[in-house]
Protein backbone atom coordinates (compact mmCIF):
# COMPACT_ATOMS: atom_id res chain seq x y z
CA MET A 1 94.82 83.64 109.71
CA GLY A 2 92.21 81.32 108.52
CA MET A 3 90.28 81.43 105.46
CA LEU A 4 87.18 79.81 104.09
CA VAL A 5 87.55 76.73 101.78
CA GLU A 6 84.72 75.46 99.82
CA GLY A 7 82.58 76.88 102.55
CA VAL A 8 84.40 75.70 105.67
CA TRP A 9 87.12 77.68 107.91
CA ARG A 10 90.85 76.54 107.62
CA ASP A 11 93.79 77.45 109.46
CA VAL A 12 95.56 78.17 106.27
CA PRO A 13 98.19 80.52 106.86
CA ARG A 14 99.69 83.56 103.95
CA ASP A 15 101.82 81.66 101.47
CA THR A 16 104.58 83.60 100.70
CA LYS A 17 107.03 80.63 99.57
CA SER A 18 105.70 80.64 96.49
CA THR A 19 106.19 84.63 95.64
CA GLY A 20 109.69 84.47 96.66
CA GLY A 21 108.88 86.17 100.36
CA ALA A 22 106.82 89.22 98.82
CA PHE A 23 103.37 89.76 100.64
CA VAL A 24 101.18 89.61 97.30
CA ARG A 25 97.30 90.84 98.26
CA ALA A 26 94.10 88.95 97.26
CA GLU A 27 91.80 90.90 95.27
CA SER A 28 88.47 91.45 96.72
CA ALA A 29 85.68 89.10 96.12
CA PHE A 30 82.39 91.12 95.98
CA ARG A 31 82.21 93.78 94.06
CA ASP A 32 78.27 94.86 93.37
CA ARG A 33 76.88 97.96 93.74
CA VAL A 34 73.38 99.25 95.91
CA SER A 35 70.52 97.84 95.18
CA GLU A 36 68.36 101.48 96.30
CA PRO A 37 70.38 103.74 99.03
CA GLU A 38 67.65 103.26 101.98
CA ALA A 39 68.01 104.62 105.19
CA GLY A 40 68.18 100.99 107.50
CA ARG A 41 68.58 98.73 104.74
CA TYR A 42 72.83 98.48 104.71
CA ARG A 43 75.31 97.65 107.48
CA LEU A 44 78.73 97.91 107.39
CA TYR A 45 80.75 95.00 109.44
CA VAL A 46 83.99 96.49 110.21
CA SER A 47 86.60 96.67 112.71
CA LYS A 48 88.34 99.87 114.19
CA SER A 49 91.63 98.74 114.26
CA CYS A 50 91.93 97.78 110.13
CA PRO A 51 92.57 101.03 107.72
CA TRP A 52 90.93 99.52 105.02
CA ALA A 53 87.59 99.51 107.27
CA HIS A 54 88.48 102.78 108.79
CA ARG A 55 88.33 104.43 105.59
CA THR A 56 84.77 103.68 105.31
CA LEU A 57 84.34 105.05 108.99
CA VAL A 58 85.70 108.51 108.16
CA VAL A 59 83.25 108.74 105.34
CA ARG A 60 80.09 107.62 107.03
CA ALA A 61 81.38 110.09 110.03
CA LEU A 62 82.00 113.16 107.63
CA LYS A 63 78.95 112.67 105.65
CA GLY A 64 76.80 112.37 109.07
CA LEU A 65 75.28 108.61 107.55
CA GLU A 66 75.51 107.36 111.38
CA LYS A 67 71.23 106.99 111.39
CA ALA A 68 71.14 105.62 107.75
CA ILE A 69 74.11 102.92 108.00
CA ALA A 70 74.20 100.72 110.92
CA VAL A 71 78.08 99.80 111.99
CA SER A 72 78.65 96.38 113.62
CA TYR A 73 82.25 96.39 115.24
CA ALA A 74 84.30 93.23 115.49
CA ASP A 75 86.63 92.50 118.55
CA PRO A 76 89.96 93.97 117.87
CA TYR A 77 91.51 90.67 119.26
CA MET A 78 91.69 88.31 115.64
CA GLY A 79 91.62 84.51 116.61
CA GLU A 80 92.20 81.55 114.94
CA ASN A 81 88.53 81.83 113.47
CA GLY A 82 89.11 85.02 112.22
CA TRP A 83 87.24 88.64 112.94
CA GLN A 84 84.65 87.99 115.74
CA PHE A 85 81.34 89.90 116.18
CA PRO A 86 79.03 89.86 118.90
CA ASP A 87 76.58 87.74 117.17
CA GLY A 88 79.10 85.53 115.48
CA TYR A 89 82.22 85.40 112.79
CA LEU A 90 82.57 87.17 110.01
CA HIS A 91 83.10 84.06 107.76
CA GLN A 92 80.12 82.84 108.69
CA LEU A 93 78.53 85.52 107.36
CA TYR A 94 80.59 85.22 103.70
CA SER A 95 79.22 81.64 103.93
CA ARG A 96 75.90 82.65 104.21
CA ALA A 97 75.68 85.31 101.51
CA LYS A 98 78.13 82.85 99.09
CA PRO A 99 77.59 79.24 99.78
CA GLY A 100 81.04 77.19 98.80
CA TYR A 101 83.16 80.28 98.53
CA THR A 102 86.56 80.04 98.72
CA GLY A 103 88.74 83.03 100.13
CA ARG A 104 89.96 85.55 102.89
CA VAL A 105 87.90 87.10 104.98
CA THR A 106 87.87 90.69 105.34
CA VAL A 107 86.49 93.76 106.23
CA PRO A 108 84.91 95.93 105.48
CA VAL A 109 81.86 94.83 104.30
CA LEU A 110 78.78 96.50 103.00
CA TRP A 111 75.82 94.04 104.05
CA ASP A 112 72.09 94.50 102.09
CA GLU A 113 69.95 93.23 105.50
CA LYS A 114 67.09 93.24 102.68
CA GLU A 115 68.58 90.70 100.39
CA ALA A 116 70.59 89.14 103.09
CA ARG A 117 73.61 89.71 100.78
CA ILE A 118 77.23 91.09 100.94
CA VAL A 119 77.39 93.93 98.44
CA ASN A 120 80.61 94.66 98.26
CA ASN A 121 83.89 94.10 100.56
CA GLU A 122 86.35 96.47 98.79
CA SER A 123 87.07 99.11 100.69
CA SER A 124 87.83 101.67 97.47
CA GLU A 125 84.45 101.20 96.10
CA ILE A 126 82.53 101.41 99.22
CA ILE A 127 83.90 105.06 100.11
CA ARG A 128 82.68 105.98 96.67
CA MET A 129 78.83 104.31 97.38
CA LEU A 130 79.09 106.37 100.31
CA ASN A 131 80.04 109.50 99.03
CA ARG A 132 77.77 109.31 95.66
CA ASP A 133 74.61 106.95 96.46
CA PHE A 134 73.68 107.97 100.12
CA ASP A 135 74.37 111.54 99.28
CA ARG A 136 70.79 112.42 99.59
CA LEU A 137 70.49 110.29 103.15
CA ALA A 138 73.66 112.70 104.44
CA ARG A 139 73.40 115.07 107.54
CA ARG A 140 76.43 116.77 106.74
CA LYS A 141 77.33 118.58 104.12
CA LEU A 142 80.40 117.52 102.29
CA ALA A 143 81.81 118.79 98.92
CA ASP A 144 82.16 115.84 96.45
CA LEU A 145 85.18 113.27 97.67
CA TYR A 146 85.78 112.28 93.62
CA PRO A 147 84.60 115.68 91.82
CA GLU A 148 85.02 114.89 88.08
CA GLU A 149 87.73 117.67 87.23
CA LEU A 150 90.13 116.15 89.68
CA ARG A 151 89.73 112.52 88.54
CA ARG A 152 92.75 111.91 86.83
CA GLU A 153 95.15 113.67 89.92
CA ILE A 154 93.05 111.56 92.03
CA ASP A 155 93.18 108.54 90.67
CA TRP A 156 97.01 108.64 90.09
CA LEU A 157 97.52 109.69 93.46
CA ASN A 158 95.18 106.58 94.92
CA GLU A 159 97.58 104.09 92.73
CA ARG A 160 100.99 105.30 94.10
CA ILE A 161 99.76 105.56 98.15
CA TYR A 162 97.99 102.02 97.62
CA ARG A 163 100.92 100.29 96.05
CA THR A 164 103.91 102.04 98.01
CA VAL A 165 101.89 103.34 101.38
CA ASN A 166 98.68 101.63 102.31
CA ASN A 167 99.92 98.22 100.77
CA GLY A 168 103.42 98.89 101.35
CA VAL A 169 103.59 98.91 105.07
CA TYR A 170 102.04 95.39 104.77
CA ARG A 171 104.74 94.45 102.23
CA ALA A 172 107.34 95.43 104.14
CA GLY A 173 105.63 93.76 107.67
CA PHE A 174 104.46 90.59 105.84
CA ALA A 175 107.34 89.78 103.94
CA THR A 176 109.75 86.47 104.58
CA ALA A 177 112.88 87.28 102.43
CA GLN A 178 114.88 90.40 103.26
CA ASP A 179 115.42 91.26 99.61
CA LYS A 180 111.13 91.86 99.27
CA TYR A 181 111.49 93.69 102.78
CA GLU A 182 114.16 96.26 102.00
CA GLU A 183 112.06 96.56 98.36
CA ALA A 184 109.10 97.40 100.11
CA VAL A 185 110.58 99.91 102.78
CA THR A 186 112.40 101.61 99.85
CA GLU A 187 109.53 102.21 98.09
CA LEU A 188 107.45 103.50 100.98
CA PHE A 189 109.42 106.42 102.32
CA ARG A 190 110.55 107.06 99.16
CA THR A 191 106.70 108.07 98.55
CA LEU A 192 106.57 109.71 102.19
CA ASP A 193 109.43 112.00 101.06
CA TRP A 194 107.69 112.64 97.45
CA LEU A 195 104.30 113.18 99.75
CA GLU A 196 106.32 115.87 102.40
CA LYS A 197 107.91 117.68 99.31
CA HIS A 198 104.10 117.26 97.51
CA LEU A 199 101.98 119.19 100.85
CA VAL A 200 104.69 122.48 101.07
CA LYS A 201 102.18 124.08 99.22
CA ARG A 202 98.98 122.53 99.54
CA LYS A 203 96.38 122.49 102.33
CA TRP A 204 95.36 118.62 100.74
CA LEU A 205 96.47 116.47 98.59
CA CYS A 206 94.70 117.85 95.71
CA GLY A 207 95.41 121.11 97.07
CA ASN A 208 92.10 122.98 98.63
CA SER A 209 90.14 120.31 97.82
CA PHE A 210 89.72 117.38 100.47
CA THR A 211 89.11 114.35 98.49
CA GLU A 212 89.19 110.48 98.80
CA ALA A 213 92.79 110.34 98.13
CA ASP A 214 93.15 112.14 101.51
CA VAL A 215 90.77 109.68 103.36
CA ARG A 216 92.57 106.77 101.93
CA LEU A 217 96.37 108.43 103.31
CA PHE A 218 94.91 109.03 106.60
CA THR A 219 93.80 105.79 107.74
CA THR A 220 97.84 104.16 107.31
CA LEU A 221 99.35 107.27 108.78
CA VAL A 222 97.22 107.82 111.55
CA ARG A 223 98.53 104.25 112.64
CA PHE A 224 102.32 104.48 111.24
CA ASP A 225 104.33 105.63 114.68
CA ALA A 226 102.37 103.64 116.84
CA VAL A 227 102.39 100.35 114.63
CA TYR A 228 103.91 100.23 111.47
CA TYR A 229 107.30 102.32 112.64
CA SER A 230 107.94 99.02 115.22
CA HIS A 231 106.01 96.17 114.34
CA PHE A 232 106.15 96.04 110.29
CA LYS A 233 109.88 96.96 110.71
CA CYS A 234 108.84 100.72 109.08
CA ASN A 235 111.55 102.34 110.91
CA LEU A 236 113.84 104.74 108.77
CA ARG A 237 111.74 107.70 109.81
CA ARG A 238 108.93 108.14 112.16
CA LEU A 239 105.32 110.47 110.71
CA VAL A 240 106.31 113.04 113.09
CA ASP A 241 109.91 113.36 111.59
CA TYR A 242 107.80 114.79 108.51
CA PRO A 243 106.33 118.27 109.76
CA LYS A 244 104.18 118.56 106.49
CA LEU A 245 102.42 115.28 106.98
CA TRP A 246 102.33 115.40 110.47
CA ARG A 247 100.91 118.57 110.36
CA TRP A 248 98.26 117.07 106.95
CA THR A 249 97.84 114.25 109.51
CA ARG A 250 96.35 115.99 112.35
CA ARG A 251 94.17 118.42 110.03
CA VAL A 252 92.20 115.49 108.91
CA TYR A 253 92.21 114.16 112.52
CA ALA A 254 90.47 117.24 112.79
CA LEU A 255 87.57 117.18 110.66
CA PRO A 256 83.75 116.45 111.91
CA GLY A 257 83.30 112.87 113.23
CA VAL A 258 86.83 111.38 112.34
CA LYS A 259 88.46 111.66 115.94
CA SER A 260 85.32 109.52 117.24
CA THR A 261 86.56 106.80 114.10
CA THR A 262 90.08 106.63 115.43
CA ASN A 263 91.14 104.07 118.35
CA LEU A 264 95.09 103.61 118.95
CA LYS A 265 94.02 101.16 121.59
CA GLU A 266 92.31 99.29 119.34
CA ILE A 267 94.57 99.63 116.96
CA LYS A 268 97.69 98.41 118.69
CA ASP A 269 95.66 95.74 120.32
CA HIS A 270 94.64 94.25 117.01
CA TYR A 271 98.12 94.47 115.50
CA TYR A 272 100.41 93.05 118.09
CA ARG A 273 97.83 90.73 119.73
CA SER A 274 96.64 89.55 116.87
CA MET A 275 99.72 88.45 114.29
CA LYS A 276 101.60 86.26 116.13
CA GLN A 277 103.57 85.37 113.30
CA ILE A 278 105.35 88.73 113.93
CA ASN A 279 104.83 89.31 117.50
CA PRO A 280 104.96 86.01 119.42
CA THR A 281 104.94 87.26 122.87
CA GLN A 282 101.57 89.42 122.23
CA ILE A 283 103.06 91.97 124.37
CA VAL A 284 101.45 95.59 123.20
CA PRO A 285 104.26 98.26 123.52
CA LYS A 286 102.82 101.16 126.20
CA GLY A 287 104.35 104.01 123.86
CA PRO A 288 104.31 106.06 121.69
CA LEU A 289 102.48 108.74 123.18
CA LEU A 290 101.35 110.66 120.38
CA ASP A 291 98.56 113.74 120.40
CA PHE A 292 96.68 114.11 117.02
CA SER A 293 95.23 117.86 118.27
CA LEU A 294 96.32 120.72 116.28
CA HIS A 295 98.27 123.39 118.38
């Protein structure tokens, strides 16, 4: 896993020594907004394997924005040059947008074709732009994913789920110290247990309203049994051991367009082949066999 250093790609591994073995995620560097939501002006650079990029694909599909916003898909295998696309490497796009940039090169990226710039590379902000700014270009009617009356609840859910689940699986998987790993796994399953109880009388995380909180949780849980349970050692329980969470995940999967954004083969190929520090043999397991369809 490399990074750009003053505009030059370097093979710089993640440093966990300075954090006592804990994985600490870097802040996203590009945090602007769209200038004008024109059809054909913006492009998403994503990987189907990445849960953060997957968020943007889910919202794009749910709103029917496929014709308004183009997508470039990365190869599932991330080699020594980082994310690779048919027309080059993602780090080249970062250098073009900001010569001399120093930092990690991540997906998703919302790119402005007209101004040749990276608008934003923070998934949580991109999905809000897709939700609101591009609404007039949507071909499917979808209720506001971040309604005023639910924002306090959504923000609270997002914060807890991000810290302990979305990023929690990475804190476990990338930890290089036993205590940091155990801390992350304990917090992860404490939240999963809480979510199971939370969904006893709710269709969605905020009751009857499907919101961005559901999108953000889904892209982690849909990968859980196939990748995080074994590859990241999050193996106290499987997702299928949580009846309410498992049904909720399949309910999201059944929403219009979501299935087409979810590719478990690419997901497994990426994690098991690209992360050699965790899986040096690069062998991709055949299982588990998962059926996300509702019965």
